[in-house]
Amino acid sequence: MEIFLNNFKEEGDAFSEINVINILKDVIQVSSLANTIAGNFQIGISIVSSEEIQKLNLEYRGKDQPTNVLSFGTNSHLKDNDSLLLGDIVLCKEIIEKEAKEYLKTYENRLKHMIIHGFLHLIGFNHEENHERISMEEIEIQVMNNLSAGDPY
């Protein structure tokens, strides 16, 4: 697993590549996708401003407002190796900070939750239907509890 972290310098040691890898490994295990995603894969994770994420949200989802997280899946194999490029997770620090206060969570735990949520989208989960939302939330809750971060809801 290879992760490219962009603009994470301010986020501290809790979001080093090693810690993000451990979060993602837990998601894979809890979601029962260990056999499906057993090989090498790469993802990018970026933290952007509310203006940047609003532009992306408008361009790719037709929604002219900032959001907490966007996922852009590729599922394409990289040349010269056996890695699967899963895609990118784009996080908005301002929105995540606002939501952390609103939901009475720490910024660190809200950020973990959004990394988990974005990664679940990259590996095929969505929440369009109620049963899909419930399944996705169950995984998020279990992973957050495994990380001693508490129920994200």
N, C-alpha and C. Protein backbone atom coordinates (compact mmCIF):
# COMPACT_ATOMS: atom_id res chain seq x y z
N MET A 1 0.85 -1.16 0.00
CA MET A 1 0.00 0.00 0.00
C MET A 1 0.90 1.23 0.00
N GLU A 2 0.60 2.13 -0.91
CA GLU A 2 1.36 3.37 -0.99
C GLU A 2 0.38 4.54 -0.96
N ILE A 3 0.66 5.50 -0.10
CA ILE A 3 -0.22 6.64 0.07
C ILE A 3 0.57 7.91 -0.16
N PHE A 4 -0.04 8.82 -0.91
CA PHE A 4 0.57 10.12 -1.14
C PHE A 4 -0.26 11.15 -0.40
N LEU A 5 0.32 11.76 0.63
CA LEU A 5 -0.38 12.76 1.43
C LEU A 5 0.02 14.15 0.97
N ASN A 6 -0.97 14.97 0.65
CA ASN A 6 -0.73 16.34 0.20
C ASN A 6 -1.31 17.32 1.20
N ASN A 7 -0.53 18.31 1.60
CA ASN A 7 -0.94 19.36 2.53
C ASN A 7 -1.27 18.83 3.92
N PHE A 8 -0.59 17.79 4.36
CA PHE A 8 -0.83 17.21 5.68
C PHE A 8 0.18 17.70 6.71
N LYS A 9 1.10 18.55 6.34
CA LYS A 9 2.16 18.97 7.27
C LYS A 9 1.61 19.54 8.57
N GLU A 10 0.55 20.33 8.49
CA GLU A 10 -0.02 20.96 9.67
C GLU A 10 -0.82 19.99 10.54
N GLU A 11 -1.14 18.83 10.01
CA GLU A 11 -2.05 17.93 10.72
C GLU A 11 -1.36 17.14 11.82
N GLY A 12 -0.05 17.15 11.87
CA GLY A 12 0.67 16.51 12.95
C GLY A 12 0.91 15.03 12.73
N ASP A 13 1.55 14.42 13.72
CA ASP A 13 1.97 13.03 13.62
C ASP A 13 0.81 12.05 13.50
N ALA A 14 -0.36 12.42 13.99
CA ALA A 14 -1.50 11.51 13.93
C ALA A 14 -1.86 11.16 12.49
N PHE A 15 -1.45 11.99 11.55
CA PHE A 15 -1.79 11.74 10.16
C PHE A 15 -0.56 11.56 9.30
N SER A 16 0.44 10.92 9.87
CA SER A 16 1.59 10.53 9.08
C SER A 16 1.15 9.40 8.16
N GLU A 17 1.97 9.11 7.18
CA GLU A 17 1.64 8.04 6.24
C GLU A 17 1.41 6.72 6.97
N ILE A 18 2.22 6.43 7.97
CA ILE A 18 2.08 5.18 8.73
C ILE A 18 0.72 5.10 9.39
N ASN A 19 0.28 6.17 10.04
CA ASN A 19 -1.00 6.15 10.72
C ASN A 19 -2.17 6.06 9.75
N VAL A 20 -2.08 6.75 8.62
CA VAL A 20 -3.15 6.65 7.62
C VAL A 20 -3.20 5.24 7.06
N ILE A 21 -2.04 4.62 6.83
CA ILE A 21 -2.01 3.23 6.35
C ILE A 21 -2.71 2.32 7.35
N ASN A 22 -2.46 2.51 8.64
CA ASN A 22 -3.12 1.68 9.65
C ASN A 22 -4.63 1.88 9.67
N ILE A 23 -5.08 3.11 9.47
CA ILE A 23 -6.52 3.37 9.37
C ILE A 23 -7.10 2.60 8.19
N LEU A 24 -6.44 2.68 7.03
CA LEU A 24 -6.96 2.04 5.83
C LEU A 24 -6.92 0.52 5.94
N LYS A 25 -5.88 -0.02 6.56
CA LYS A 25 -5.81 -1.47 6.77
C LYS A 25 -6.99 -1.94 7.61
N ASP A 26 -7.34 -1.17 8.62
CA ASP A 26 -8.47 -1.52 9.47
C ASP A 26 -9.78 -1.48 8.68
N VAL A 27 -9.93 -0.49 7.80
CA VAL A 27 -11.12 -0.40 6.96
C VAL A 27 -11.23 -1.66 6.10
N ILE A 28 -10.12 -2.06 5.49
CA ILE A 28 -10.12 -3.24 4.62
C ILE A 28 -10.52 -4.48 5.41
N GLN A 29 -9.97 -4.64 6.59
CA GLN A 29 -10.28 -5.81 7.41
C GLN A 29 -11.74 -5.81 7.86
N VAL A 30 -12.21 -4.69 8.38
CA VAL A 30 -13.58 -4.61 8.90
C VAL A 30 -14.60 -4.76 7.77
N SER A 31 -14.28 -4.25 6.59
CA SER A 31 -15.22 -4.32 5.47
C SER A 31 -15.21 -5.67 4.78
N SER A 32 -14.43 -6.61 5.28
CA SER A 32 -14.33 -7.96 4.72
C SER A 32 -13.82 -7.96 3.29
N LEU A 33 -13.00 -6.99 2.94
CA LEU A 33 -12.46 -6.91 1.59
C LEU A 33 -10.98 -7.25 1.53
N ALA A 34 -10.48 -7.89 2.58
CA ALA A 34 -9.05 -8.21 2.63
C ALA A 34 -8.61 -9.04 1.43
N ASN A 35 -9.43 -9.99 1.00
CA ASN A 35 -9.07 -10.82 -0.15
C ASN A 35 -9.21 -10.06 -1.47
N THR A 36 -10.16 -9.15 -1.54
CA THR A 36 -10.39 -8.38 -2.75
C THR A 36 -9.28 -7.36 -2.99
N ILE A 37 -8.80 -6.75 -1.91
CA ILE A 37 -7.78 -5.70 -2.01
C ILE A 37 -6.49 -6.21 -1.39
N ALA A 38 -6.11 -7.41 -1.75
CA ALA A 38 -4.94 -8.04 -1.14
C ALA A 38 -3.63 -7.53 -1.72
N GLY A 39 -3.66 -7.03 -2.93
CA GLY A 39 -2.41 -6.63 -3.57
C GLY A 39 -1.98 -5.22 -3.22
N ASN A 40 -1.00 -4.77 -3.96
CA ASN A 40 -0.49 -3.41 -3.80
C ASN A 40 -1.48 -2.42 -4.38
N PHE A 41 -1.69 -1.33 -3.69
CA PHE A 41 -2.50 -0.27 -4.27
C PHE A 41 -1.97 1.08 -3.82
N GLN A 42 -2.35 2.09 -4.58
CA GLN A 42 -1.94 3.45 -4.29
C GLN A 42 -3.16 4.34 -4.21
N ILE A 43 -3.11 5.30 -3.28
CA ILE A 43 -4.13 6.33 -3.22
C ILE A 43 -3.46 7.66 -2.88
N GLY A 44 -4.11 8.72 -3.25
CA GLY A 44 -3.67 10.05 -2.86
C GLY A 44 -4.69 10.65 -1.91
N ILE A 45 -4.21 11.36 -0.90
CA ILE A 45 -5.10 12.04 0.04
C ILE A 45 -4.63 13.48 0.15
N SER A 46 -5.54 14.40 -0.12
CA SER A 46 -5.20 15.83 -0.08
C SER A 46 -6.15 16.58 0.84
N ILE A 47 -5.61 17.61 1.47
CA ILE A 47 -6.43 18.54 2.24
C ILE A 47 -6.44 19.85 1.47
N VAL A 48 -7.65 20.36 1.18
CA VAL A 48 -7.79 21.57 0.38
C VAL A 48 -8.70 22.57 1.09
N SER A 49 -8.75 23.77 0.54
CA SER A 49 -9.60 24.83 1.10
C SER A 49 -11.06 24.60 0.71
N SER A 50 -11.95 25.33 1.35
CA SER A 50 -13.37 25.21 1.02
C SER A 50 -13.64 25.69 -0.41
N GLU A 51 -12.88 26.68 -0.87
CA GLU A 51 -13.05 27.16 -2.24
C GLU A 51 -12.67 26.07 -3.24
N GLU A 52 -11.55 25.40 -2.97
CA GLU A 52 -11.10 24.35 -3.89
C GLU A 52 -12.08 23.19 -3.94
N ILE A 53 -12.56 22.76 -2.77
CA ILE A 53 -13.47 21.61 -2.77
C ILE A 53 -14.82 21.99 -3.36
N GLN A 54 -15.23 23.24 -3.21
CA GLN A 54 -16.48 23.69 -3.81
C GLN A 54 -16.39 23.62 -5.33
N LYS A 55 -15.25 24.03 -5.89
CA LYS A 55 -15.05 23.94 -7.34
C LYS A 55 -15.11 22.49 -7.81
N LEU A 56 -14.45 21.60 -7.08
CA LEU A 56 -14.47 20.17 -7.43
C LEU A 56 -15.88 19.60 -7.30
N ASN A 57 -16.59 19.98 -6.26
CA ASN A 57 -17.94 19.49 -6.03
C ASN A 57 -18.87 19.94 -7.15
N LEU A 58 -18.70 21.17 -7.61
CA LEU A 58 -19.51 21.68 -8.72
C LEU A 58 -19.15 20.96 -10.01
N GLU A 59 -17.86 20.84 -10.27
CA GLU A 59 -17.41 20.23 -11.53
C GLU A 59 -17.80 18.76 -11.64
N TYR A 60 -17.66 18.00 -10.56
CA TYR A 60 -17.85 16.55 -10.65
C TYR A 60 -19.19 16.05 -10.11
N ARG A 61 -19.86 16.85 -9.28
CA ARG A 61 -21.13 16.39 -8.71
C ARG A 61 -22.28 17.35 -9.00
N GLY A 62 -21.97 18.50 -9.63
CA GLY A 62 -23.01 19.46 -9.94
C GLY A 62 -23.57 20.19 -8.74
N LYS A 63 -22.83 20.18 -7.63
CA LYS A 63 -23.28 20.83 -6.40
C LYS A 63 -22.37 22.02 -6.10
N ASP A 64 -22.95 23.22 -6.11
CA ASP A 64 -22.17 24.44 -5.93
C ASP A 64 -22.08 24.81 -4.45
N GLN A 65 -21.43 23.94 -3.70
CA GLN A 65 -21.22 24.18 -2.26
C GLN A 65 -20.03 23.36 -1.81
N PRO A 66 -19.35 23.83 -0.76
CA PRO A 66 -18.24 23.02 -0.23
C PRO A 66 -18.78 21.77 0.45
N THR A 67 -17.93 20.77 0.57
CA THR A 67 -18.30 19.53 1.24
C THR A 67 -17.10 19.05 2.05
N ASN A 68 -17.31 18.05 2.88
CA ASN A 68 -16.23 17.58 3.75
C ASN A 68 -15.23 16.68 3.04
N VAL A 69 -15.70 15.80 2.16
CA VAL A 69 -14.81 14.85 1.50
C VAL A 69 -15.36 14.50 0.11
N LEU A 70 -14.46 14.34 -0.83
CA LEU A 70 -14.79 13.83 -2.16
C LEU A 70 -13.82 12.69 -2.46
N SER A 71 -14.32 11.69 -3.16
CA SER A 71 -13.48 10.56 -3.58
C SER A 71 -13.55 10.44 -5.08
N PHE A 72 -12.39 10.21 -5.68
CA PHE A 72 -12.30 10.06 -7.13
C PHE A 72 -11.62 8.74 -7.43
N GLY A 73 -12.41 7.73 -7.74
CA GLY A 73 -11.87 6.40 -7.99
C GLY A 73 -11.37 6.24 -9.41
N THR A 74 -10.34 5.41 -9.57
CA THR A 74 -9.83 5.11 -10.90
C THR A 74 -9.85 3.62 -11.19
N ASN A 75 -9.48 2.80 -10.19
CA ASN A 75 -9.40 1.35 -10.36
C ASN A 75 -8.60 0.95 -11.60
N SER A 76 -7.50 1.63 -11.84
CA SER A 76 -6.67 1.28 -12.99
C SER A 76 -5.31 0.78 -12.54
N HIS A 77 -4.79 -0.19 -13.27
CA HIS A 77 -3.47 -0.72 -12.95
C HIS A 77 -2.40 0.22 -13.48
N LEU A 78 -1.36 0.38 -12.70
CA LEU A 78 -0.25 1.25 -13.09
C LEU A 78 0.72 0.48 -13.96
N LYS A 79 1.30 1.15 -14.92
CA LYS A 79 2.31 0.53 -15.77
C LYS A 79 3.55 0.23 -14.94
N ASP A 80 4.30 -0.75 -15.35
CA ASP A 80 5.59 -1.11 -14.75
C ASP A 80 5.49 -1.78 -13.38
N ASN A 81 4.31 -1.97 -12.84
CA ASN A 81 4.20 -2.73 -11.60
C ASN A 81 2.79 -3.28 -11.45
N ASP A 82 2.57 -4.01 -10.40
CA ASP A 82 1.28 -4.65 -10.20
C ASP A 82 0.34 -3.84 -9.31
N SER A 83 0.69 -2.59 -9.06
CA SER A 83 -0.14 -1.77 -8.18
C SER A 83 -1.44 -1.36 -8.85
N LEU A 84 -2.45 -1.27 -8.04
CA LEU A 84 -3.74 -0.76 -8.47
C LEU A 84 -3.86 0.67 -7.95
N LEU A 85 -4.11 1.60 -8.84
CA LEU A 85 -4.32 2.98 -8.44
C LEU A 85 -5.80 3.13 -8.12
N LEU A 86 -6.13 3.17 -6.82
CA LEU A 86 -7.54 3.25 -6.41
C LEU A 86 -8.14 4.62 -6.68
N GLY A 87 -7.36 5.68 -6.48
CA GLY A 87 -7.88 7.01 -6.71
C GLY A 87 -7.42 7.99 -5.66
N ASP A 88 -8.20 9.06 -5.51
CA ASP A 88 -7.84 10.15 -4.60
C ASP A 88 -8.98 10.47 -3.65
N ILE A 89 -8.60 10.85 -2.44
CA ILE A 89 -9.53 11.36 -1.44
C ILE A 89 -9.15 12.82 -1.22
N VAL A 90 -10.13 13.70 -1.35
CA VAL A 90 -9.91 15.13 -1.15
C VAL A 90 -10.73 15.56 0.06
N LEU A 91 -10.05 16.13 1.06
CA LEU A 91 -10.67 16.53 2.31
C LEU A 91 -10.63 18.04 2.46
N CYS A 92 -11.67 18.61 3.05
CA CYS A 92 -11.70 20.05 3.29
C CYS A 92 -11.56 20.32 4.78
N LYS A 93 -10.42 20.87 5.16
CA LYS A 93 -10.12 21.13 6.57
C LYS A 93 -11.17 22.04 7.21
N GLU A 94 -11.55 23.11 6.52
CA GLU A 94 -12.50 24.07 7.10
C GLU A 94 -13.84 23.43 7.42
N ILE A 95 -14.35 22.63 6.50
CA ILE A 95 -15.64 21.98 6.72
C ILE A 95 -15.53 20.92 7.81
N ILE A 96 -14.45 20.17 7.81
CA ILE A 96 -14.25 19.13 8.83
C ILE A 96 -14.12 19.76 10.21
N GLU A 97 -13.42 20.88 10.32
CA GLU A 97 -13.32 21.59 11.60
C GLU A 97 -14.70 22.07 12.07
N LYS A 98 -15.46 22.63 11.15
CA LYS A 98 -16.81 23.13 11.47
C LYS A 98 -17.70 21.97 11.94
N GLU A 99 -17.65 20.86 11.22
CA GLU A 99 -18.47 19.70 11.59
C GLU A 99 -18.03 19.11 12.92
N ALA A 100 -16.74 19.09 13.18
CA ALA A 100 -16.24 18.56 14.45
C ALA A 100 -16.85 19.33 15.61
N LYS A 101 -16.88 20.64 15.51
CA LYS A 101 -17.50 21.46 16.56
C LYS A 101 -19.00 21.20 16.65
N GLU A 102 -19.64 21.16 15.49
CA GLU A 102 -21.09 20.96 15.43
C GLU A 102 -21.50 19.61 16.03
N TYR A 103 -20.71 18.56 15.75
CA TYR A 103 -21.04 17.21 16.21
C TYR A 103 -20.36 16.86 17.53
N LEU A 104 -19.67 17.84 18.13
CA LEU A 104 -18.98 17.65 19.41
C LEU A 104 -17.94 16.53 19.33
N LYS A 105 -17.16 16.55 18.26
CA LYS A 105 -16.07 15.60 18.03
C LYS A 105 -14.76 16.37 17.98
N THR A 106 -13.67 15.69 18.18
CA THR A 106 -12.38 16.35 17.98
C THR A 106 -12.13 16.45 16.48
N TYR A 107 -11.33 17.44 16.10
CA TYR A 107 -10.96 17.58 14.69
C TYR A 107 -10.26 16.31 14.21
N GLU A 108 -9.36 15.77 15.03
CA GLU A 108 -8.61 14.58 14.65
C GLU A 108 -9.55 13.40 14.38
N ASN A 109 -10.53 13.19 15.23
CA ASN A 109 -11.46 12.07 15.02
C ASN A 109 -12.37 12.31 13.83
N ARG A 110 -12.79 13.54 13.61
CA ARG A 110 -13.62 13.83 12.45
C ARG A 110 -12.82 13.62 11.16
N LEU A 111 -11.55 14.01 11.17
CA LEU A 111 -10.69 13.80 10.01
C LEU A 111 -10.51 12.31 9.75
N LYS A 112 -10.28 11.53 10.80
CA LYS A 112 -10.18 10.07 10.64
C LYS A 112 -11.44 9.52 10.00
N HIS A 113 -12.60 9.97 10.51
CA HIS A 113 -13.87 9.50 9.97
C HIS A 113 -13.98 9.81 8.48
N MET A 114 -13.59 11.00 8.08
CA MET A 114 -13.70 11.37 6.67
C MET A 114 -12.71 10.60 5.79
N ILE A 115 -11.54 10.26 6.33
CA ILE A 115 -10.61 9.41 5.59
C ILE A 115 -11.23 8.04 5.38
N ILE A 116 -11.82 7.50 6.43
CA ILE A 116 -12.49 6.19 6.34
C ILE A 116 -13.62 6.26 5.33
N HIS A 117 -14.45 7.28 5.44
CA HIS A 117 -15.60 7.44 4.55
C HIS A 117 -15.16 7.54 3.08
N GLY A 118 -14.15 8.38 2.84
CA GLY A 118 -13.65 8.53 1.48
C GLY A 118 -13.06 7.25 0.93
N PHE A 119 -12.33 6.52 1.77
CA PHE A 119 -11.73 5.26 1.33
C PHE A 119 -12.80 4.23 1.02
N LEU A 120 -13.86 4.17 1.82
CA LEU A 120 -14.94 3.23 1.53
C LEU A 120 -15.54 3.50 0.16
N HIS A 121 -15.67 4.77 -0.22
CA HIS A 121 -16.15 5.09 -1.56
C HIS A 121 -15.18 4.56 -2.62
N LEU A 122 -13.88 4.70 -2.38
CA LEU A 122 -12.89 4.23 -3.36
C LEU A 122 -12.95 2.72 -3.56
N ILE A 123 -13.34 1.99 -2.52
CA ILE A 123 -13.37 0.53 -2.65
C ILE A 123 -14.78 0.00 -2.94
N GLY A 124 -15.67 0.90 -3.37
CA GLY A 124 -16.94 0.46 -3.92
C GLY A 124 -18.18 0.68 -3.08
N PHE A 125 -18.04 1.24 -1.90
CA PHE A 125 -19.22 1.49 -1.08
C PHE A 125 -19.86 2.82 -1.46
N ASN A 126 -21.18 2.90 -1.28
CA ASN A 126 -21.86 4.18 -1.42
C ASN A 126 -23.04 4.22 -0.46
N HIS A 127 -23.75 5.32 -0.45
CA HIS A 127 -24.87 5.47 0.48
C HIS A 127 -26.08 6.06 -0.22
N GLU A 128 -26.29 5.63 -1.47
CA GLU A 128 -27.44 6.10 -2.23
C GLU A 128 -28.74 5.52 -1.68
N GLU A 129 -28.71 4.25 -1.35
CA GLU A 129 -29.88 3.56 -0.79
C GLU A 129 -29.71 3.41 0.71
N ASN A 130 -30.82 3.32 1.44
CA ASN A 130 -30.76 3.24 2.90
C ASN A 130 -29.95 2.05 3.39
N HIS A 131 -30.13 0.88 2.77
CA HIS A 131 -29.39 -0.31 3.21
C HIS A 131 -27.88 -0.15 2.97
N GLU A 132 -27.51 0.57 1.90
CA GLU A 132 -26.09 0.84 1.63
C GLU A 132 -25.53 1.80 2.69
N ARG A 133 -26.31 2.81 3.03
CA ARG A 133 -25.89 3.78 4.05
C ARG A 133 -25.67 3.08 5.39
N ILE A 134 -26.60 2.20 5.75
CA ILE A 134 -26.48 1.48 7.02
C ILE A 134 -25.23 0.62 7.03
N SER A 135 -24.98 -0.09 5.95
CA SER A 135 -23.79 -0.95 5.84
C SER A 135 -22.51 -0.13 5.96
N MET A 136 -22.48 0.99 5.27
CA MET A 136 -21.30 1.86 5.29
C MET A 136 -21.08 2.44 6.69
N GLU A 137 -22.15 2.89 7.32
CA GLU A 137 -22.04 3.46 8.66
C GLU A 137 -21.58 2.43 9.68
N GLU A 138 -22.04 1.19 9.54
CA GLU A 138 -21.61 0.12 10.46
C GLU A 138 -20.10 -0.08 10.39
N ILE A 139 -19.56 -0.06 9.18
CA ILE A 139 -18.11 -0.21 9.00
C ILE A 139 -17.39 1.00 9.60
N GLU A 140 -17.89 2.19 9.33
CA GLU A 140 -17.27 3.41 9.87
C GLU A 140 -17.24 3.37 11.40
N ILE A 141 -18.34 2.97 12.00
CA ILE A 141 -18.43 2.90 13.47
C ILE A 141 -17.44 1.88 14.01
N GLN A 142 -17.40 0.70 13.38
CA GLN A 142 -16.49 -0.34 13.87
C GLN A 142 -15.03 0.09 13.75
N VAL A 143 -14.66 0.68 12.63
CA VAL A 143 -13.27 1.12 12.44
C VAL A 143 -12.94 2.23 13.43
N MET A 144 -13.82 3.19 13.60
CA MET A 144 -13.57 4.28 14.56
C MET A 144 -13.42 3.72 15.97
N ASN A 145 -14.24 2.74 16.34
CA ASN A 145 -14.10 2.12 17.65
C ASN A 145 -12.78 1.37 17.76
N ASN A 146 -12.37 0.68 16.69
CA ASN A 146 -11.08 -0.01 16.69
C ASN A 146 -9.92 0.97 16.88
N LEU A 147 -10.10 2.19 16.41
CA LEU A 147 -9.07 3.23 16.53
C LEU A 147 -9.20 4.01 17.84
N SER A 148 -10.08 3.56 18.71
CA SER A 148 -10.37 4.25 19.99
C SER A 148 -10.80 5.70 19.75
N ALA A 149 -11.52 5.91 18.65
CA ALA A 149 -11.97 7.25 18.29
C ALA A 149 -13.45 7.44 18.56
N GLY A 150 -14.14 6.40 18.99
CA GLY A 150 -15.55 6.51 19.34
C GLY A 150 -16.47 6.51 18.13
N ASP A 151 -17.74 6.41 18.41
CA ASP A 151 -18.78 6.40 17.39
C ASP A 151 -18.79 7.75 16.67
N PRO A 152 -18.62 7.75 15.35
CA PRO A 152 -18.58 9.02 14.62
C PRO A 152 -19.94 9.69 14.50
N TYR A 153 -20.99 8.96 14.84
CA TYR A 153 -22.34 9.52 14.73
C TYR A 153 -22.89 9.83 16.10
